[in-house]
Amino acid sequence: MNGNRGGWGHAPQPLRLAVVSILTLAVSPVGLVCAQTGSRSPHFEMSPRIGRVTADGNDFSVIETATAWGGDVRYFLSRHLAFGVGAHFSHHGLQTLPEHLRIMALYVECRYEMRILTRRLGVFGGVRGLRLHENVTIVDWTTTGWGWGALLGVNWSIISHLGLELEISETALRFHDLRGADGSVIDGTRANGRSFGLESGILFRF
């Protein structure tokens, strides 16, 4: 491997913009018109999720799209405002190379949610900061990094304590130089890019 560590696929930019625009419209004008009293406040939510993540940018040109899984726990300070912590994992193949990338992210997030349609449907948006760890299998190279991004989504309450959630996210990624198995720094292997995610999960409320 060299300094170019490649992308997790390339989702069409017009499709991304269309999905983000639709959800943004749902969160802003529709939510502002339809939001009523909101859900119980304060309360906890837990959401395990699975989906697909990509990465874009010259430094990610050979990394394939991967299945991702993880989840988070959030605490609603009010009807609309929540803070949470979570973890995210993905395992990416490399084009024409036998190695794989294992990426773990630990993150904190802040989100704003509004309930509409008799409070069964929720629309939300938020920001997220991430601490990243990457491991390249076979050669046992590792690195750390950080990221930040935005998320939009919807959730649907099946019953008062159980629901379904769909989320899209766009995240900027910054990785430091790789380190070899002996701890030596491999110069010129810093990588910058961005990741697009589409994930769904189950929502538990307490």
Protein backbone atom coordinates (compact mmCIF):
# COMPACT_ATOMS: atom_id res chain seq x y z
CA MET A 1 0.00 0.00 0.00
CA ASN A 2 1.12 3.60 -0.52
CA GLY A 3 0.00 7.05 0.65
CA ASN A 4 -3.25 6.76 -1.32
CA ARG A 5 -5.47 4.52 0.78
CA GLY A 6 -8.54 4.72 -1.33
CA GLY A 7 -12.69 5.15 -1.00
CA TRP A 8 -15.51 3.06 0.16
CA GLY A 9 -17.37 3.43 -3.11
CA HIS A 10 -18.87 6.46 -4.80
CA ALA A 11 -22.58 7.17 -4.27
CA PRO A 12 -23.91 9.41 -7.08
CA GLN A 13 -23.74 13.04 -5.92
CA PRO A 14 -27.17 14.01 -7.41
CA LEU A 15 -28.81 11.14 -5.51
CA ARG A 16 -27.17 12.25 -2.26
CA LEU A 17 -28.28 15.82 -2.74
CA ALA A 18 -31.83 14.73 -3.53
CA VAL A 19 -32.13 12.55 -0.42
CA VAL A 20 -30.59 15.20 1.84
CA SER A 21 -32.84 17.90 0.34
CA ILE A 22 -36.00 15.85 0.88
CA LEU A 23 -35.17 15.15 4.51
CA THR A 24 -34.13 18.75 5.09
CA LEU A 25 -37.48 19.94 3.79
CA ALA A 26 -39.20 17.46 6.08
CA VAL A 27 -37.24 18.64 9.11
CA SER A 28 -37.73 22.37 8.54
CA PRO A 29 -41.02 23.60 7.02
CA VAL A 30 -43.13 20.50 7.60
CA GLY A 31 -41.83 20.08 11.13
CA LEU A 32 -42.31 23.72 12.00
CA VAL A 33 -45.91 23.64 10.80
CA CYS A 34 -46.89 20.23 12.20
CA ALA A 35 -44.82 19.80 15.38
CA GLN A 36 -46.97 19.74 18.46
CA THR A 37 -46.08 18.84 22.02
CA GLY A 38 -43.45 16.20 21.21
CA SER A 39 -42.63 12.98 23.01
CA ARG A 40 -42.05 12.40 26.72
CA SER A 41 -39.43 14.60 28.31
CA PRO A 42 -36.86 13.86 29.55
CA HIS A 43 -36.15 10.27 28.50
CA PHE A 44 -33.49 7.89 27.12
CA GLU A 45 -33.35 6.29 23.69
CA MET A 46 -31.21 3.41 22.41
CA SER A 47 -30.82 2.63 18.71
CA PRO A 48 -28.82 -0.31 17.26
CA ARG A 49 -28.37 0.15 13.47
CA ILE A 50 -27.02 -1.52 10.34
CA GLY A 51 -26.47 -0.12 6.86
CA ARG A 52 -23.98 0.78 4.14
CA VAL A 53 -21.20 3.37 4.20
CA THR A 54 -19.05 4.81 1.43
CA ALA A 55 -16.07 7.13 1.35
CA ASP A 56 -15.02 9.62 -1.29
CA GLY A 57 -11.91 11.56 -2.13
CA ASN A 58 -8.59 10.86 -3.82
CA ASP A 59 -7.11 9.28 -0.68
CA PHE A 60 -9.94 6.72 -0.55
CA SER A 61 -10.00 5.67 -4.21
CA VAL A 62 -9.40 1.93 -3.68
CA ILE A 63 -11.52 1.23 -0.58
CA GLU A 64 -14.82 -0.52 -1.24
CA THR A 65 -18.27 0.26 0.12
CA ALA A 66 -18.93 -1.74 3.28
CA THR A 67 -21.66 -2.92 5.61
CA ALA A 68 -21.60 -0.98 8.87
CA TRP A 69 -23.16 -1.67 12.23
CA GLY A 70 -23.28 0.03 15.58
CA GLY A 71 -25.59 2.05 17.75
CA ASP A 72 -25.96 4.84 20.26
CA VAL A 73 -27.63 5.92 23.47
CA ARG A 74 -29.24 9.35 23.73
CA TYR A 75 -30.70 11.44 26.53
CA PHE A 76 -33.41 13.98 25.72
CA LEU A 77 -32.98 17.07 27.84
CA SER A 78 -36.26 18.42 26.50
CA ARG A 79 -38.95 17.41 24.03
CA HIS A 80 -36.67 18.21 21.12
CA LEU A 81 -33.00 18.39 22.19
CA ALA A 82 -30.88 15.27 22.81
CA PHE A 83 -27.22 14.43 23.41
CA GLY A 84 -25.78 10.97 22.82
CA VAL A 85 -22.74 8.72 22.56
CA GLY A 86 -22.22 5.79 20.23
CA ALA A 87 -19.94 3.38 18.40
CA HIS A 88 -19.70 2.44 14.72
CA PHE A 89 -17.86 -0.42 12.99
CA SER A 90 -17.17 -1.27 9.34
CA HIS A 91 -14.97 -3.77 7.49
CA HIS A 92 -13.85 -2.71 4.00
CA GLY A 93 -12.27 -4.64 1.17
CA LEU A 94 -9.52 -3.08 -0.96
CA GLN A 95 -9.70 -3.24 -4.74
CA THR A 96 -7.03 -5.61 -6.19
CA LEU A 97 -5.40 -6.02 -2.74
CA PRO A 98 -5.80 -8.89 -0.21
CA GLU A 99 -5.83 -6.61 2.84
CA HIS A 100 -8.97 -5.28 4.51
CA LEU A 101 -9.61 -2.17 6.57
CA ARG A 102 -11.32 -2.44 9.94
CA ILE A 103 -12.57 0.94 11.06
CA MET A 104 -14.07 1.78 14.44
CA ALA A 105 -15.54 5.16 15.38
CA LEU A 106 -16.54 6.38 18.82
CA TYR A 107 -18.65 9.52 18.67
CA VAL A 108 -20.71 12.11 20.48
CA GLU A 109 -23.70 13.79 18.89
CA CYS A 110 -26.32 16.45 19.40
CA ARG A 111 -29.66 16.23 17.63
CA TYR A 112 -32.91 18.17 17.38
CA GLU A 113 -36.11 16.19 16.82
CA MET A 114 -39.71 17.14 16.12
CA ARG A 115 -42.79 14.91 16.28
CA ILE A 116 -45.44 15.19 13.56
CA LEU A 117 -48.52 13.25 12.38
CA THR A 118 -50.04 12.79 15.87
CA ARG A 119 -46.50 12.38 17.24
CA ARG A 120 -45.98 8.93 15.70
CA LEU A 121 -43.48 10.23 13.14
CA GLY A 122 -40.29 11.99 14.17
CA VAL A 123 -37.93 13.97 11.94
CA PHE A 124 -34.47 14.91 13.20
CA GLY A 125 -31.19 16.51 12.30
CA GLY A 126 -27.93 16.80 14.17
CA VAL A 127 -24.15 17.06 14.27
CA ARG A 128 -21.59 14.46 15.26
CA GLY A 129 -17.91 14.38 16.27
CA LEU A 130 -15.90 11.15 15.93
CA ARG A 131 -12.68 9.56 17.17
CA LEU A 132 -11.44 7.03 14.59
CA HIS A 133 -9.25 3.93 14.70
CA GLU A 134 -8.16 2.02 11.60
CA ASN A 135 -6.46 -1.37 11.28
CA VAL A 136 -5.10 -2.80 8.02
CA THR A 137 -5.25 -6.59 8.22
CA ILE A 138 -2.44 -8.96 7.20
CA VAL A 139 0.23 -6.24 7.41
CA ASP A 140 -1.11 -5.12 10.83
CA TRP A 141 -0.81 -1.39 10.16
CA THR A 142 -2.85 0.95 12.35
CA THR A 143 -3.71 4.62 12.62
CA THR A 144 -6.04 6.97 14.43
CA GLY A 145 -7.95 10.02 13.31
CA TRP A 146 -11.02 12.12 13.81
CA GLY A 147 -14.09 13.26 11.96
CA TRP A 148 -17.15 15.46 12.08
CA GLY A 149 -20.41 15.45 10.20
CA ALA A 150 -24.15 15.96 9.96
CA LEU A 151 -27.10 13.57 10.06
CA LEU A 152 -30.76 13.64 9.04
CA GLY A 153 -33.42 11.03 9.57
CA VAL A 154 -36.92 9.91 10.40
CA ASN A 155 -38.34 7.50 12.96
CA TRP A 156 -41.74 5.88 13.37
CA SER A 157 -43.23 4.86 16.70
CA ILE A 158 -44.82 1.40 16.56
CA ILE A 159 -45.77 1.56 20.24
CA SER A 160 -44.76 4.03 22.96
CA HIS A 161 -41.42 2.30 23.73
CA LEU A 162 -40.55 0.80 20.33
CA GLY A 163 -39.98 2.23 16.87
CA LEU A 164 -38.02 2.10 13.61
CA GLU A 165 -35.39 4.61 12.47
CA LEU A 166 -33.81 5.58 9.13
CA GLU A 167 -30.74 7.83 9.05
CA ILE A 168 -28.46 9.35 6.42
CA SER A 169 -25.15 11.00 7.31
CA GLU A 170 -22.26 12.78 5.67
CA THR A 171 -18.95 12.83 7.57
CA ALA A 172 -15.53 14.37 6.94
CA LEU A 173 -12.66 11.99 7.83
CA ARG A 174 -9.08 12.81 8.78
CA PHE A 175 -6.55 9.99 9.39
CA HIS A 176 -2.97 10.38 10.64
CA ASP A 177 0.02 8.54 9.12
CA LEU A 178 -0.11 4.75 9.39
CA ARG A 179 2.07 2.92 11.90
CA GLY A 180 3.71 -0.42 11.17
CA ALA A 181 3.52 -3.51 13.38
CA ASP A 182 6.76 -2.40 15.06
CA GLY A 183 5.34 1.05 15.85
CA SER A 184 7.30 2.91 13.16
CA VAL A 185 5.52 5.74 11.33
CA ILE A 186 4.93 5.26 7.60
CA ASP A 187 5.40 8.77 6.23
CA GLY A 188 3.10 10.06 3.51
CA THR A 189 0.11 7.90 4.44
CA ARG A 190 -2.16 10.58 5.89
CA ALA A 191 -5.65 10.38 4.36
CA ASN A 192 -8.50 12.88 4.12
CA GLY A 193 -11.94 12.27 2.68
CA ARG A 194 -15.61 11.98 3.49
CA SER A 195 -18.12 9.23 4.13
CA PHE A 196 -21.79 8.88 3.19
CA GLY A 197 -23.95 6.50 5.23
CA LEU A 198 -27.47 5.10 4.88
CA GLU A 199 -28.55 3.07 7.92
CA SER A 200 -31.70 1.72 9.56
CA GLY A 201 -32.38 0.34 13.00
CA ILE A 202 -34.70 -0.32 15.90
CA LEU A 203 -35.50 2.45 18.37
CA PHE A 204 -36.05 1.72 22.06
CA ARG A 205 -37.37 4.39 24.44
CA PHE A 206 -37.13 4.33 28.23
